[in-house]
């Protein structure tokens, strides 16, 4: 028979919203019809920041820096821009998730 402590731990781990697929959260910021938890929203902001600055901005900066010595590579500029926009979109979806959580708490 499970102890009270194990029973509470089991229910605490079920608080995250089941996303169904990671792609749905990263591309649309939604988990079906459910809103994301605060942890998931903050995680989405951090992931968006990492993608926008870590991949997108660094590709753009490297390409602009190499422009003086080499020909411009438009493919790399395009890929860097897409990653930067995707990261910004993830940050916006994370902020929207936090705003939804805050509005629900204010209504109660």
C-alpha atoms as a PDB file:
ATOM      1  CA  UNK A   1       0.000   0.000   0.000  1.00  0.00           C
ATOM      2  CA  UNK A   2       1.534   3.357  -0.984  1.00  0.00           C
ATOM      3  CA  UNK A   3       2.375   5.738   1.789  1.00  0.00           C
ATOM      4  CA  UNK A   4       0.876   9.229   2.053  1.00  0.00           C
ATOM      5  CA  UNK A   5       4.160  10.806   0.965  1.00  0.00           C
ATOM      6  CA  UNK A   6       4.377   8.726  -2.227  1.00  0.00           C
ATOM      7  CA  UNK A   7       0.714   9.434  -2.968  1.00  0.00           C
ATOM      8  CA  UNK A   8       1.283  13.213  -2.743  1.00  0.00           C
ATOM      9  CA  UNK A   9       4.393  12.993  -4.894  1.00  0.00           C
ATOM     10  CA  UNK A  10       2.486  11.132  -7.594  1.00  0.00           C
ATOM     11  CA  UNK A  11      -0.202  13.819  -7.793  1.00  0.00           C
ATOM     12  CA  UNK A  12       2.337  16.648  -7.743  1.00  0.00           C
ATOM     13  CA  UNK A  13       4.026  15.237 -10.845  1.00  0.00           C
ATOM     14  CA  UNK A  14       0.713  15.242 -12.745  1.00  0.00           C
ATOM     15  CA  UNK A  15       0.261  19.018 -12.550  1.00  0.00           C
ATOM     16  CA  UNK A  16       1.977  19.767 -15.866  1.00  0.00           C
ATOM     17  CA  UNK A  17      -0.327  20.083 -18.838  1.00  0.00           C
ATOM     18  CA  UNK A  18      -0.035  17.097 -21.107  1.00  0.00           C
ATOM     19  CA  UNK A  19       1.138  18.631 -24.365  1.00  0.00           C
ATOM     20  CA  UNK A  20       0.547  15.753 -26.719  1.00  0.00           C
ATOM     21  CA  UNK A  21       3.519  16.804 -28.832  1.00  0.00           C
ATOM     22  CA  UNK A  22       6.432  19.133 -28.319  1.00  0.00           C
ATOM     23  CA  UNK A  23       5.958  20.560 -31.808  1.00  0.00           C
ATOM     24  CA  UNK A  24       2.515  21.851 -30.911  1.00  0.00           C
ATOM     25  CA  UNK A  25       3.870  23.793 -27.942  1.00  0.00           C
ATOM     26  CA  UNK A  26       6.983  25.123 -29.670  1.00  0.00           C
ATOM     27  CA  UNK A  27       5.207  26.165 -32.859  1.00  0.00           C
ATOM     28  CA  UNK A  28       1.867  27.429 -31.532  1.00  0.00           C
ATOM     29  CA  UNK A  29       2.395  27.968 -27.797  1.00  0.00           C
ATOM     30  CA  UNK A  30      -0.676  25.865 -27.013  1.00  0.00           C
ATOM     31  CA  UNK A  31      -1.337  22.437 -25.608  1.00  0.00           C
ATOM     32  CA  UNK A  32      -4.603  21.556 -27.305  1.00  0.00           C
ATOM     33  CA  UNK A  33      -7.344  23.591 -25.680  1.00  0.00           C
ATOM     34  CA  UNK A  34      -5.487  23.798 -22.368  1.00  0.00           C
ATOM     35  CA  UNK A  35      -3.321  26.711 -21.323  1.00  0.00           C
ATOM     36  CA  UNK A  36       0.278  26.091 -20.405  1.00  0.00           C
ATOM     37  CA  UNK A  37       1.421  26.037 -16.802  1.00  0.00           C
ATOM     38  CA  UNK A  38       3.673  28.774 -15.449  1.00  0.00           C
ATOM     39  CA  UNK A  39       6.661  26.412 -15.604  1.00  0.00           C
ATOM     40  CA  UNK A  40       5.971  25.561 -19.248  1.00  0.00           C
ATOM     41  CA  UNK A  41       5.469  29.226 -20.169  1.00  0.00           C
ATOM     42  CA  UNK A  42       8.752  30.267 -18.575  1.00  0.00           C
ATOM     43  CA  UNK A  43      10.451  27.304 -20.246  1.00  0.00           C
ATOM     44  CA  UNK A  44       9.060  28.431 -23.592  1.00  0.00           C
ATOM     45  CA  UNK A  45      10.470  31.922 -23.031  1.00  0.00           C
ATOM     46  CA  UNK A  46      13.893  30.523 -22.133  1.00  0.00           C
ATOM     47  CA  UNK A  47      13.884  28.174 -25.139  1.00  0.00           C
ATOM     48  CA  UNK A  48      12.862  31.062 -27.398  1.00  0.00           C
ATOM     49  CA  UNK A  49      15.645  33.218 -26.027  1.00  0.00           C
ATOM     50  CA  UNK A  50      18.160  30.438 -26.634  1.00  0.00           C
ATOM     51  CA  UNK A  51      16.978  29.900 -30.210  1.00  0.00           C
ATOM     52  CA  UNK A  52      16.776  33.616 -31.055  1.00  0.00           C
ATOM     53  CA  UNK A  53      20.114  34.622 -29.561  1.00  0.00           C
ATOM     54  CA  UNK A  54      22.030  31.363 -29.624  1.00  0.00           C
ATOM     55  CA  UNK A  55      21.278  30.275 -33.162  1.00  0.00           C
ATOM     56  CA  UNK A  56      19.566  33.064 -35.087  1.00  0.00           C
ATOM     57  CA  UNK A  57      21.553  36.077 -33.943  1.00  0.00           C
ATOM     58  CA  UNK A  58      24.864  34.253 -34.021  1.00  0.00           C
ATOM     59  CA  UNK A  59      24.287  33.106 -37.629  1.00  0.00           C
ATOM     60  CA  UNK A  60      23.386  36.647 -38.626  1.00  0.00           C
ATOM     61  CA  UNK A  61      26.373  38.170 -36.835  1.00  0.00           C
ATOM     62  CA  UNK A  62      28.813  35.642 -38.302  1.00  0.00           C
ATOM     63  CA  UNK A  63      27.519  36.214 -41.817  1.00  0.00           C
ATOM     64  CA  UNK A  64      27.622  40.003 -41.524  1.00  0.00           C
ATOM     65  CA  UNK A  65      31.144  39.793 -40.081  1.00  0.00           C
ATOM     66  CA  UNK A  66      32.363  37.612 -42.943  1.00  0.00           C
ATOM     67  CA  UNK A  67      30.809  39.879 -45.546  1.00  0.00           C
ATOM     68  CA  UNK A  68      33.965  42.039 -45.650  1.00  0.00           C
ATOM     69  CA  UNK A  69      36.190  39.169 -46.807  1.00  0.00           C
ATOM     70  CA  UNK A  70      33.753  36.824 -48.588  1.00  0.00           C
ATOM     71  CA  UNK A  71      30.673  37.105 -50.753  1.00  0.00           C
ATOM     72  CA  UNK A  72      27.349  37.354 -49.003  1.00  0.00           C
ATOM     73  CA  UNK A  73      25.660  34.004 -48.332  1.00  0.00           C
ATOM     74  CA  UNK A  74      21.916  34.662 -48.551  1.00  0.00           C
ATOM     75  CA  UNK A  75      21.033  31.140 -47.463  1.00  0.00           C
ATOM     76  CA  UNK A  76      22.770  31.626 -44.134  1.00  0.00           C
ATOM     77  CA  UNK A  77      21.144  35.020 -43.670  1.00  0.00           C
ATOM     78  CA  UNK A  78      17.739  33.467 -44.368  1.00  0.00           C
ATOM     79  CA  UNK A  79      18.267  30.575 -41.940  1.00  0.00           C
ATOM     80  CA  UNK A  80      19.534  32.964 -39.245  1.00  0.00           C
ATOM     81  CA  UNK A  81      16.516  35.218 -39.751  1.00  0.00           C
ATOM     82  CA  UNK A  82      14.097  32.285 -39.545  1.00  0.00           C
ATOM     83  CA  UNK A  83      15.644  31.040 -36.302  1.00  0.00           C
ATOM     84  CA  UNK A  84      15.576  34.560 -34.846  1.00  0.00           C
ATOM     85  CA  UNK A  85      11.891  34.982 -35.745  1.00  0.00           C
ATOM     86  CA  UNK A  86      11.010  31.539 -34.391  1.00  0.00           C
ATOM     87  CA  UNK A  87      12.747  32.343 -31.106  1.00  0.00           C
ATOM     88  CA  UNK A  88      10.893  35.653 -30.816  1.00  0.00           C
ATOM     89  CA  UNK A  89       7.598  33.873 -31.542  1.00  0.00           C
ATOM     90  CA  UNK A  90       8.294  31.324 -28.782  1.00  0.00           C
ATOM     91  CA  UNK A  91       9.051  34.156 -26.343  1.00  0.00           C
ATOM     92  CA  UNK A  92       5.779  35.879 -27.275  1.00  0.00           C
ATOM     93  CA  UNK A  93       3.804  32.626 -26.826  1.00  0.00           C
ATOM     94  CA  UNK A  94       5.433  32.194 -23.410  1.00  0.00           C
ATOM     95  CA  UNK A  95       4.492  35.725 -22.392  1.00  0.00           C
ATOM     96  CA  UNK A  96       0.920  35.162 -23.594  1.00  0.00           C
ATOM     97  CA  UNK A  97       0.799  31.987 -21.481  1.00  0.00           C
ATOM     98  CA  UNK A  98       1.942  33.921 -18.413  1.00  0.00           C
ATOM     99  CA  UNK A  99      -0.637  36.638 -19.126  1.00  0.00           C
ATOM    100  CA  UNK A 100      -3.407  34.012 -19.329  1.00  0.00           C
ATOM    101  CA  UNK A 101      -2.332  32.533 -15.996  1.00  0.00           C
ATOM    102  CA  UNK A 102      -2.227  35.980 -14.390  1.00  0.00           C
ATOM    103  CA  UNK A 103      -5.668  36.898 -15.739  1.00  0.00           C
ATOM    104  CA  UNK A 104      -7.189  33.653 -14.398  1.00  0.00           C
ATOM    105  CA  UNK A 105      -5.741  34.294 -10.953  1.00  0.00           C
ATOM    106  CA  UNK A 106      -7.073  37.862 -10.909  1.00  0.00           C
ATOM    107  CA  UNK A 107     -10.576  36.693 -11.842  1.00  0.00           C
ATOM    108  CA  UNK A 108     -10.806  34.320  -8.900  1.00  0.00           C
END
